[in-house]
Amino acid sequence: MRERIELVFLGVFEPASFAEFMRHRARRLSVSAETRRLGADRVEVTVEGEGALVDMFEVACSLGPLDCLVTDVSRRAA
């Protein structure tokens, strides 16, 4: 079943690095990811795709690239 959610990541980010990381993971998981906000302490992204793949995207981004630290993530229906 397809799902559309908004993810909010909080932490310490190198915005360009995290954006590239999200794009790469979205392509690998065949989900669409539209960045809504990309800052040094908060990233908001709308993700759409198969439910299990959306969940995998959330987990992958929670681990993030080495130069970013995700301290919290929340999700809500988009």
C-alpha atoms as a PDB file:
ATOM      1  CA  MET A   1       0.000   0.000   0.000  1.00  0.00           C
ATOM      2  CA  ARG A   2       1.286   3.444  -0.926  1.00  0.00           C
ATOM      3  CA  GLU A   3       1.861   5.947   1.812  1.00  0.00           C
ATOM      4  CA  ARG A   4       2.580   9.687   1.917  1.00  0.00           C
ATOM      5  CA  ILE A   5       4.117  11.091   5.082  1.00  0.00           C
ATOM      6  CA  GLU A   6       6.056  14.081   6.312  1.00  0.00           C
ATOM      7  CA  LEU A   7       9.237  13.389   8.263  1.00  0.00           C
ATOM      8  CA  VAL A   8      10.864  15.954  10.530  1.00  0.00           C
ATOM      9  CA  PHE A   9      14.473  15.265  11.501  1.00  0.00           C
ATOM     10  CA  LEU A  10      16.076  17.252  14.317  1.00  0.00           C
ATOM     11  CA  GLY A  11      19.789  17.314  15.068  1.00  0.00           C
ATOM     12  CA  VAL A  12      23.000  18.770  13.706  1.00  0.00           C
ATOM     13  CA  PHE A  13      23.197  18.736   9.912  1.00  0.00           C
ATOM     14  CA  GLU A  14      25.507  19.640   7.079  1.00  0.00           C
ATOM     15  CA  PRO A  15      22.535  20.541   4.829  1.00  0.00           C
ATOM     16  CA  ALA A  16      24.135  19.731   1.466  1.00  0.00           C
ATOM     17  CA  SER A  17      25.441  16.399   2.728  1.00  0.00           C
ATOM     18  CA  PHE A  18      22.104  15.378   4.259  1.00  0.00           C
ATOM     19  CA  ALA A  19      20.221  16.444   1.120  1.00  0.00           C
ATOM     20  CA  GLU A  20      22.455  14.288  -1.091  1.00  0.00           C
ATOM     21  CA  PHE A  21      22.122  11.391   1.363  1.00  0.00           C
ATOM     22  CA  MET A  22      18.290  11.651   1.197  1.00  0.00           C
ATOM     23  CA  ARG A  23      18.289  11.843  -2.615  1.00  0.00           C
ATOM     24  CA  HIS A  24      20.503   8.775  -2.863  1.00  0.00           C
ATOM     25  CA  ARG A  25      18.392   6.737  -0.421  1.00  0.00           C
ATOM     26  CA  ALA A  26      15.156   7.792  -2.123  1.00  0.00           C
ATOM     27  CA  ARG A  27      16.485   6.621  -5.503  1.00  0.00           C
ATOM     28  CA  ARG A  28      17.705   3.299  -4.080  1.00  0.00           C
ATOM     29  CA  LEU A  29      14.361   2.652  -2.368  1.00  0.00           C
ATOM     30  CA  SER A  30      12.216   3.892  -5.285  1.00  0.00           C
ATOM     31  CA  VAL A  31      10.352   6.459  -3.194  1.00  0.00           C
ATOM     32  CA  SER A  32       9.839  10.124  -3.914  1.00  0.00           C
ATOM     33  CA  ALA A  33      11.238  12.597  -1.401  1.00  0.00           C
ATOM     34  CA  GLU A  34      10.488  16.291  -1.576  1.00  0.00           C
ATOM     35  CA  THR A  35      12.495  18.471   0.793  1.00  0.00           C
ATOM     36  CA  ARG A  36      10.360  21.112   2.526  1.00  0.00           C
ATOM     37  CA  ARG A  37      12.989  22.586   4.824  1.00  0.00           C
ATOM     38  CA  LEU A  38      16.724  22.018   4.981  1.00  0.00           C
ATOM     39  CA  GLY A  39      18.577  23.693   7.821  1.00  0.00           C
ATOM     40  CA  ALA A  40      21.491  23.172  10.163  1.00  0.00           C
ATOM     41  CA  ASP A  41      19.205  21.895  12.946  1.00  0.00           C
ATOM     42  CA  ARG A  42      15.994  20.751  11.219  1.00  0.00           C
ATOM     43  CA  VAL A  43      15.112  18.921   8.013  1.00  0.00           C
ATOM     44  CA  GLU A  44      11.549  18.390   6.782  1.00  0.00           C
ATOM     45  CA  VAL A  45      10.791  16.069   3.885  1.00  0.00           C
ATOM     46  CA  THR A  46       7.636  14.615   2.344  1.00  0.00           C
ATOM     47  CA  VAL A  47       8.066  10.991   1.293  1.00  0.00           C
ATOM     48  CA  GLU A  48       5.760   8.896  -0.881  1.00  0.00           C
ATOM     49  CA  GLY A  49       5.958   5.248  -1.861  1.00  0.00           C
ATOM     50  CA  GLU A  50       5.260   1.727  -0.680  1.00  0.00           C
ATOM     51  CA  GLY A  51       4.803   1.736   3.102  1.00  0.00           C
ATOM     52  CA  ALA A  52       7.700  -0.589   3.933  1.00  0.00           C
ATOM     53  CA  LEU A  53      10.052   1.406   1.675  1.00  0.00           C
ATOM     54  CA  VAL A  54       8.978   4.687   3.283  1.00  0.00           C
ATOM     55  CA  ASP A  55       9.791   3.127   6.665  1.00  0.00           C
ATOM     56  CA  MET A  56      13.209   2.059   5.351  1.00  0.00           C
ATOM     57  CA  PHE A  57      13.859   5.611   4.131  1.00  0.00           C
ATOM     58  CA  GLU A  58      13.060   6.931   7.619  1.00  0.00           C
ATOM     59  CA  VAL A  59      15.457   4.476   9.266  1.00  0.00           C
ATOM     60  CA  ALA A  60      18.249   5.109   6.758  1.00  0.00           C
ATOM     61  CA  CYS A  61      17.980   8.875   7.187  1.00  0.00           C
ATOM     62  CA  SER A  62      17.827   8.535  10.974  1.00  0.00           C
ATOM     63  CA  LEU A  63      21.284   6.976  10.769  1.00  0.00           C
ATOM     64  CA  GLY A  64      22.290   9.691   8.308  1.00  0.00           C
ATOM     65  CA  PRO A  65      25.680  10.445   6.741  1.00  0.00           C
ATOM     66  CA  LEU A  66      28.759  10.532   8.970  1.00  0.00           C
ATOM     67  CA  ASP A  67      28.882  14.328   9.172  1.00  0.00           C
ATOM     68  CA  CYS A  68      25.294  14.648  10.465  1.00  0.00           C
ATOM     69  CA  LEU A  69      23.704  13.663  13.783  1.00  0.00           C
ATOM     70  CA  VAL A  70      19.958  12.976  13.948  1.00  0.00           C
ATOM     71  CA  THR A  71      18.735  13.319  17.535  1.00  0.00           C
ATOM     72  CA  ASP A  72      14.992  12.974  16.913  1.00  0.00           C
ATOM     73  CA  VAL A  73      12.573  12.111  14.120  1.00  0.00           C
ATOM     74  CA  SER A  74       8.816  12.486  13.929  1.00  0.00           C
ATOM     75  CA  ARG A  75       6.326  11.591  11.242  1.00  0.00           C
ATOM     76  CA  ARG A  76       2.795  12.558  10.325  1.00  0.00           C
ATOM     77  CA  ALA A  77       0.433  11.994   7.450  1.00  0.00           C
ATOM     78  CA  ALA A  78       1.062  14.432   4.615  1.00  0.00           C
END
